[in-house]
Amino acid sequence: MVKLSVIVPFYNVQTYAPDTLRSLRANAREDFEFILVDDCSTDGTADVLRRAEDEIPGVVVRRHKQNGGLATARNTGLDAARGEYLAFLDGDDWLAPGYFAEVLARTEALGCDFVRTDHVQVEGRNRSVHRVPHGRRGEVMDPRDAILPAERSTSVDYPYAWAGLYHRRLLDRGLLHFTDGLRTAEDRPWIWRLHREADSFAVLGILGIFYRRGVASSLTQIGDVRQLDFIRSFDQVVRETSEDRDAQVLLPKAVRTYCAIISHHMSSIERFEPAVARTLKSMSAAALRRMPQQVLDEALDSMDVQRATLLRRLRRRPAAAGAKEVSAA
């Protein structure tokens, strides 16, 4: 029996993949499998993964014939996974030795649907610890109770799929797949759905995942049209939350978070290509008008003056005719 399946997408990370694979070797166990998904890399990543099949116990490689993005690559791994538990890792990050064995043992002892863990962010030579924004550790709770309050960072604002472990029953219930084709912010609808629909979760104060930031090929560093998928992602969050039995209570959190993300992108709009920047403005204006307007007004009233003014001005901006087409690109 496979106890744990670890799903690792790779796309053009030839420089970093060897570190990732060495850390998987240091986590290998006879009942673990590592599903490596090559999302149609065009550099030497495929060769690195071919060698890993021979050198690392439990490695299974899946290859895409065309690039589908992180969400689609993770779904490929989920479809192939045989484990009782599932975990994720990105192809340019790495793990401390024995990390998965420790998280698995503590998760099994708790008996909950999923756990969330802290991580170490790496930027060049700098290291910083990032904690799950949830104060109670090692205690099984209802995930819905960790969504609010709206005005403070909570567990749904810590969306990283790789910062946790998930029981297979969540996969069987249809809660672990990602929205196919999302190229950024793919974790946002996913983490909201988990917290709304799973039965139990816990936070573990374990450090062992090293998250590499500032990678030149990362979408967070590239100001092209793929970044605009955050709008499709948060549209899904708001739409699904509005259908929830506690929509009246939860929608202010979803709308306020969406507003904060729009404001974040607008404040760094100079990093986008000019045509994409124009589309960002138009699509964001249209998104603001799609939100429940009374909830939006209350969210804007609760934000600082600078962000609220920017968003109110943006809401009055007419949407460009081409915004819809670019959104679907």
Protein backbone atom coordinates (compact mmCIF):
# COMPACT_ATOMS: atom_id res chain seq x y z
CA MET A 1 0.00 0.00 0.00
CA VAL A 2 1.20 3.51 -0.83
CA LYS A 3 0.95 5.63 2.30
CA LEU A 4 1.86 9.00 0.75
CA SER A 5 1.80 10.43 -2.79
CA VAL A 6 3.78 13.62 -3.34
CA ILE A 7 2.88 15.56 -6.51
CA VAL A 8 5.61 17.79 -7.95
CA PRO A 9 5.03 19.82 -11.15
CA PHE A 10 8.09 20.99 -13.10
CA TYR A 11 8.31 23.59 -15.85
CA ASN A 12 11.64 24.96 -17.09
CA VAL A 13 13.39 24.68 -13.72
CA GLN A 14 16.53 22.88 -14.86
CA THR A 15 18.66 25.03 -12.51
CA TYR A 16 16.63 24.24 -9.39
CA ALA A 17 15.24 20.76 -10.03
CA PRO A 18 18.36 18.95 -8.75
CA ASP A 19 17.91 20.56 -5.29
CA THR A 20 14.26 19.55 -5.28
CA LEU A 21 15.07 15.97 -6.26
CA ARG A 22 17.86 15.61 -3.70
CA SER A 23 15.40 16.64 -1.01
CA LEU A 24 12.89 14.05 -2.24
CA ARG A 25 15.57 11.37 -2.02
CA ALA A 26 16.17 12.46 1.60
CA ASN A 27 12.44 11.93 2.24
CA ALA A 28 12.05 8.62 0.40
CA ARG A 29 10.39 5.67 2.11
CA GLU A 30 9.29 2.35 0.68
CA ASP A 31 5.60 3.30 1.03
CA PHE A 32 6.01 6.79 -0.49
CA GLU A 33 5.65 7.69 -4.16
CA PHE A 34 6.82 10.87 -5.88
CA ILE A 35 4.79 11.82 -8.96
CA LEU A 36 6.88 14.23 -11.04
CA VAL A 37 4.87 16.05 -13.71
CA ASP A 38 6.87 17.63 -16.55
CA ASP A 39 4.57 20.36 -17.87
CA CYS A 40 6.14 20.33 -21.36
CA SER A 41 9.46 21.91 -20.32
CA THR A 42 11.61 23.34 -23.11
CA ASP A 43 14.94 23.41 -21.24
CA GLY A 44 16.85 20.44 -19.76
CA THR A 45 14.27 19.67 -17.06
CA ALA A 46 13.02 16.54 -18.84
CA ASP A 47 16.54 15.02 -18.81
CA VAL A 48 16.89 15.73 -15.09
CA LEU A 49 13.59 13.95 -14.41
CA ARG A 50 14.56 10.96 -16.56
CA ARG A 51 17.63 10.43 -14.40
CA ALA A 52 15.51 10.75 -11.27
CA GLU A 53 13.40 7.76 -12.37
CA ASP A 54 16.49 5.56 -12.07
CA GLU A 55 18.04 7.17 -9.01
CA ILE A 56 15.21 7.92 -6.53
CA PRO A 57 12.97 5.20 -5.06
CA GLY A 58 9.26 5.71 -5.68
CA VAL A 59 9.59 8.21 -8.55
CA VAL A 60 6.93 8.16 -11.27
CA VAL A 61 7.22 10.67 -14.15
CA ARG A 62 4.25 11.99 -16.13
CA ARG A 63 4.79 14.27 -19.13
CA HIS A 64 2.44 16.77 -20.75
CA LYS A 65 2.53 17.17 -24.53
CA GLN A 66 1.60 20.83 -24.14
CA ASN A 67 2.01 23.29 -21.28
CA GLY A 68 -1.12 23.49 -19.17
CA GLY A 69 -0.01 25.46 -16.14
CA LEU A 70 0.40 24.59 -12.48
CA ALA A 71 -3.25 23.74 -11.78
CA THR A 72 -3.45 21.29 -14.68
CA ALA A 73 -0.11 19.70 -13.78
CA ARG A 74 -1.23 19.14 -10.19
CA ASN A 75 -4.45 17.57 -11.46
CA THR A 76 -2.41 15.16 -13.56
CA GLY A 77 -0.58 14.12 -10.41
CA LEU A 78 -3.80 13.75 -8.43
CA ASP A 79 -5.26 11.49 -11.12
CA ALA A 80 -2.20 9.22 -10.89
CA ALA A 81 -1.85 9.23 -7.09
CA ARG A 82 -2.36 5.98 -5.16
CA GLY A 83 -1.53 7.17 -1.64
CA GLU A 84 -3.70 7.23 1.46
CA TYR A 85 -2.36 10.75 2.00
CA LEU A 86 -1.37 13.37 -0.57
CA ALA A 87 1.06 16.28 -0.57
CA PHE A 88 2.40 18.82 -3.04
CA LEU A 89 5.76 20.41 -3.75
CA ASP A 90 6.79 22.86 -6.48
CA GLY A 91 9.66 21.98 -8.79
CA ASP A 92 11.92 24.80 -7.61
CA ASP A 93 11.43 24.32 -3.84
CA TRP A 94 12.92 21.76 -1.46
CA LEU A 95 12.41 19.90 1.83
CA ALA A 96 14.32 19.15 5.01
CA PRO A 97 15.32 15.47 5.38
CA GLY A 98 12.58 13.37 6.95
CA TYR A 99 10.02 16.17 6.73
CA PHE A 100 7.21 14.12 5.19
CA ALA A 101 7.61 11.25 7.67
CA GLU A 102 7.23 13.67 10.59
CA VAL A 103 4.20 15.48 9.14
CA LEU A 104 2.55 12.17 8.26
CA ALA A 105 3.03 10.70 11.74
CA ARG A 106 1.56 13.78 13.41
CA THR A 107 -1.34 13.95 10.94
CA GLU A 108 -2.24 10.31 11.51
CA ALA A 109 -2.14 10.86 15.27
CA LEU A 110 -4.64 13.73 14.92
CA GLY A 111 -6.90 11.84 12.50
CA CYS A 112 -8.12 14.98 10.67
CA ASP A 113 -8.89 15.59 7.00
CA PHE A 114 -5.91 17.88 6.43
CA VAL A 115 -3.15 19.78 8.15
CA ARG A 116 -1.40 23.05 7.33
CA THR A 117 2.25 23.75 8.08
CA ASP A 118 4.58 26.74 8.33
CA HIS A 119 7.38 27.27 5.81
CA VAL A 120 10.69 29.01 5.22
CA GLN A 121 10.78 31.60 2.43
CA VAL A 122 14.07 31.82 0.54
CA GLU A 123 15.17 34.89 -1.43
CA GLY A 124 18.78 34.59 -2.48
CA ARG A 125 20.72 34.10 0.75
CA ASN A 126 17.93 35.41 2.95
CA ARG A 127 15.65 33.13 4.98
CA SER A 128 12.42 34.11 6.72
CA VAL A 129 9.86 32.01 8.57
CA HIS A 130 6.22 32.33 7.48
CA ARG A 131 3.55 30.99 9.82
CA VAL A 132 0.04 29.80 9.11
CA PRO A 133 -2.13 32.74 10.31
CA HIS A 134 -3.90 30.60 12.87
CA GLY A 135 -2.91 30.68 16.51
CA ARG A 136 -4.01 27.25 17.75
CA ARG A 137 -1.50 24.50 16.94
CA GLY A 138 -1.90 20.73 17.08
CA GLU A 139 -5.66 20.99 17.76
CA VAL A 140 -8.31 19.53 15.48
CA MET A 141 -10.89 22.14 14.46
CA ASP A 142 -13.71 22.80 12.01
CA PRO A 143 -12.09 24.41 8.92
CA ARG A 144 -15.05 26.80 8.52
CA ASP A 145 -14.18 28.36 11.86
CA ALA A 146 -10.79 29.45 10.46
CA ILE A 147 -12.12 31.54 7.53
CA LEU A 148 -13.04 34.68 9.49
CA PRO A 149 -12.67 37.45 10.58
CA ALA A 150 -12.88 39.41 7.35
CA GLU A 151 -10.53 42.21 8.38
CA ARG A 152 -7.66 39.98 9.49
CA SER A 153 -5.40 37.50 7.72
CA THR A 154 -6.68 33.95 8.27
CA SER A 155 -6.01 30.43 7.01
CA VAL A 156 -7.68 31.07 3.63
CA ASP A 157 -5.11 33.82 3.06
CA TYR A 158 -2.34 31.22 3.36
CA PRO A 159 -3.25 29.32 0.19
CA TYR A 160 -0.05 27.37 -0.53
CA ALA A 161 -1.07 23.82 -1.45
CA TRP A 162 2.41 22.50 -0.64
CA ALA A 163 2.15 23.70 2.98
CA GLY A 164 0.14 20.75 4.20
CA LEU A 165 -0.94 17.13 4.01
CA TYR A 166 -4.35 15.85 2.82
CA HIS A 167 -6.21 12.61 3.42
CA ARG A 168 -7.40 10.71 0.37
CA ARG A 169 -11.03 11.01 1.44
CA LEU A 170 -10.82 14.66 0.34
CA LEU A 171 -9.77 13.52 -3.14
CA ASP A 172 -12.63 11.02 -3.22
CA ARG A 173 -15.04 13.84 -2.31
CA GLY A 174 -13.76 16.00 -5.18
CA LEU A 175 -12.12 18.61 -2.96
CA LEU A 176 -8.47 18.36 -4.02
CA HIS A 177 -8.53 19.03 -7.77
CA PHE A 178 -7.72 22.53 -8.98
CA THR A 179 -9.63 24.62 -11.53
CA ASP A 180 -8.12 23.38 -14.77
CA GLY A 181 -6.13 25.93 -16.75
CA LEU A 182 -5.66 28.55 -14.03
CA ARG A 183 -2.14 29.88 -14.48
CA THR A 184 -1.92 31.93 -11.29
CA ALA A 185 -3.85 32.15 -7.98
CA GLU A 186 -4.89 28.54 -8.57
CA ASP A 187 -4.65 27.88 -4.82
CA ARG A 188 -7.29 30.47 -3.89
CA PRO A 189 -10.55 28.73 -4.91
CA TRP A 190 -8.94 25.49 -3.77
CA ILE A 191 -8.18 26.61 -0.19
CA TRP A 192 -11.58 28.30 0.18
CA ARG A 193 -13.33 25.10 -0.93
CA LEU A 194 -11.30 23.03 1.53
CA HIS A 195 -12.19 25.30 4.42
CA ARG A 196 -15.86 25.43 3.49
CA GLU A 197 -16.39 21.71 2.81
CA ALA A 198 -13.84 19.57 4.67
CA ASP A 199 -14.81 18.30 8.13
CA SER A 200 -11.63 18.79 10.15
CA PHE A 201 -8.16 20.31 10.03
CA ALA A 202 -5.23 21.26 12.22
CA VAL A 203 -2.15 23.46 12.04
CA LEU A 204 1.27 21.96 12.77
CA GLY A 205 4.22 24.09 13.81
CA ILE A 206 6.70 22.15 11.67
CA LEU A 207 9.33 23.86 9.53
CA GLY A 208 10.68 21.80 6.66
CA ILE A 209 9.51 23.31 3.37
CA PHE A 210 11.80 25.85 1.71
CA TYR A 211 9.88 28.08 -0.70
CA ARG A 212 12.08 29.79 -3.27
CA ARG A 213 11.01 33.35 -4.19
CA GLY A 214 12.41 35.66 -6.85
CA VAL A 215 12.96 32.94 -9.49
CA ALA A 216 13.11 34.70 -12.86
CA SER A 217 10.87 32.13 -14.59
CA SER A 218 8.19 32.28 -11.86
CA LEU A 219 4.86 33.77 -12.87
CA THR A 220 5.04 36.09 -9.88
CA GLN A 221 8.02 37.72 -11.59
CA ILE A 222 6.50 37.95 -15.08
CA GLY A 223 4.05 40.74 -15.92
CA ASP A 224 2.26 39.07 -18.80
CA VAL A 225 -1.37 38.16 -19.44
CA ARG A 226 -1.17 34.93 -17.43
CA GLN A 227 -1.08 37.02 -14.25
CA LEU A 228 -4.61 38.18 -14.97
CA ASP A 229 -5.97 34.72 -14.16
CA PHE A 230 -6.22 35.98 -10.57
CA ILE A 231 -9.49 37.61 -11.69
CA ARG A 232 -10.96 34.32 -12.88
CA SER A 233 -9.70 32.71 -9.69
CA PHE A 234 -11.33 35.23 -7.33
CA ASP A 235 -14.50 35.39 -9.40
CA GLN A 236 -14.79 31.68 -8.61
CA VAL A 237 -14.16 32.30 -4.89
CA VAL A 238 -16.91 34.94 -4.72
CA ARG A 239 -19.35 32.92 -6.83
CA GLU A 240 -18.94 29.71 -4.82
CA THR A 241 -19.00 31.55 -1.49
CA SER A 242 -22.23 33.30 -2.50
CA GLU A 243 -23.80 29.82 -2.87
CA ASP A 244 -22.66 28.70 0.58
CA ARG A 245 -25.16 28.20 3.40
CA ASP A 246 -23.30 30.90 5.36
CA ALA A 247 -22.90 33.28 2.41
CA GLN A 248 -24.05 36.33 4.35
CA VAL A 249 -21.30 35.78 6.92
CA LEU A 250 -18.50 34.64 4.58
CA LEU A 251 -18.97 36.93 1.56
CA PRO A 252 -17.49 40.03 3.25
CA LYS A 253 -14.23 38.12 3.71
CA ALA A 254 -14.16 36.90 0.08
CA VAL A 255 -14.96 40.35 -1.35
CA ARG A 256 -12.51 42.19 0.91
CA THR A 257 -9.72 39.77 -0.04
CA TYR A 258 -10.52 40.18 -3.75
CA CYS A 259 -10.33 43.96 -3.33
CA ALA A 260 -6.97 43.70 -1.56
CA ILE A 261 -5.54 41.57 -4.39
CA ILE A 262 -6.78 44.00 -7.06
CA SER A 263 -5.24 46.86 -5.10
CA HIS A 264 -1.96 44.95 -4.82
CA HIS A 265 -1.73 44.42 -8.59
CA MET A 266 -2.71 48.00 -9.34
CA SER A 267 -0.02 49.33 -7.00
CA SER A 268 2.66 47.50 -9.01
CA ILE A 269 1.09 47.96 -12.44
CA GLU A 270 4.37 49.22 -13.92
CA ARG A 271 5.73 45.64 -14.00
CA PHE A 272 3.08 44.65 -16.56
CA GLU A 273 3.46 45.02 -20.30
CA PRO A 274 1.55 48.18 -21.40
CA ALA A 275 -1.26 46.31 -23.17
CA VAL A 276 -1.66 43.96 -20.20
CA ALA A 277 -1.71 46.91 -17.78
CA ARG A 278 -4.59 48.48 -19.70
CA THR A 279 -6.45 45.17 -19.67
CA LEU A 280 -5.77 44.77 -15.95
CA LYS A 281 -7.48 48.10 -15.27
CA SER A 282 -10.52 47.26 -17.42
CA MET A 283 -10.91 43.72 -16.10
CA SER A 284 -10.52 44.89 -12.50
CA ALA A 285 -13.18 47.56 -13.02
CA ALA A 286 -15.54 44.95 -14.43
CA ALA A 287 -14.75 42.60 -11.54
CA LEU A 288 -15.62 45.27 -8.98
CA ARG A 289 -18.96 45.86 -10.68
CA ARG A 290 -19.70 42.10 -10.65
CA MET A 291 -19.27 41.85 -6.89
CA PRO A 292 -22.31 42.12 -4.59
CA GLN A 293 -22.42 45.90 -4.42
CA GLN A 294 -23.63 46.33 -0.84
CA VAL A 295 -20.94 43.91 0.38
CA LEU A 296 -18.38 45.76 -1.74
CA ASP A 297 -19.39 49.13 -0.29
CA GLU A 298 -18.97 47.76 3.23
CA ALA A 299 -15.59 46.26 2.33
CA LEU A 300 -14.34 49.56 0.88
CA ASP A 301 -15.55 51.44 3.97
CA SER A 302 -13.43 49.11 6.11
CA MET A 303 -10.21 49.61 4.11
CA ASP A 304 -7.63 52.37 4.40
CA VAL A 305 -8.34 55.58 2.51
CA GLN A 306 -5.64 55.09 -0.14
CA ARG A 307 -6.80 51.65 -1.24
CA ALA A 308 -10.49 52.47 -0.96
CA THR A 309 -10.05 55.60 -3.10
CA LEU A 310 -8.13 53.68 -5.77
CA LEU A 311 -10.80 50.95 -5.92
CA ARG A 312 -13.74 53.36 -5.99
CA ARG A 313 -12.14 55.27 -8.85
CA LEU A 314 -11.45 51.98 -10.63
CA ARG A 315 -15.07 50.82 -10.22
CA ARG A 316 -16.22 53.91 -12.16
CA ARG A 317 -13.86 53.14 -15.05
CA PRO A 318 -15.58 51.71 -18.17
CA ALA A 319 -14.54 48.17 -19.13
CA ALA A 320 -12.69 47.86 -22.45
CA ALA A 321 -14.27 45.74 -25.16
CA GLY A 322 -11.27 43.39 -25.33
CA ALA A 323 -11.13 42.58 -21.62
CA LYS A 324 -13.32 39.48 -21.84
CA GLU A 325 -11.30 37.99 -24.69
CA VAL A 326 -7.99 38.48 -22.88
CA SER A 327 -9.45 36.99 -19.69
CA ALA A 328 -10.23 33.77 -21.54
CA ALA A 329 -6.85 33.60 -23.32
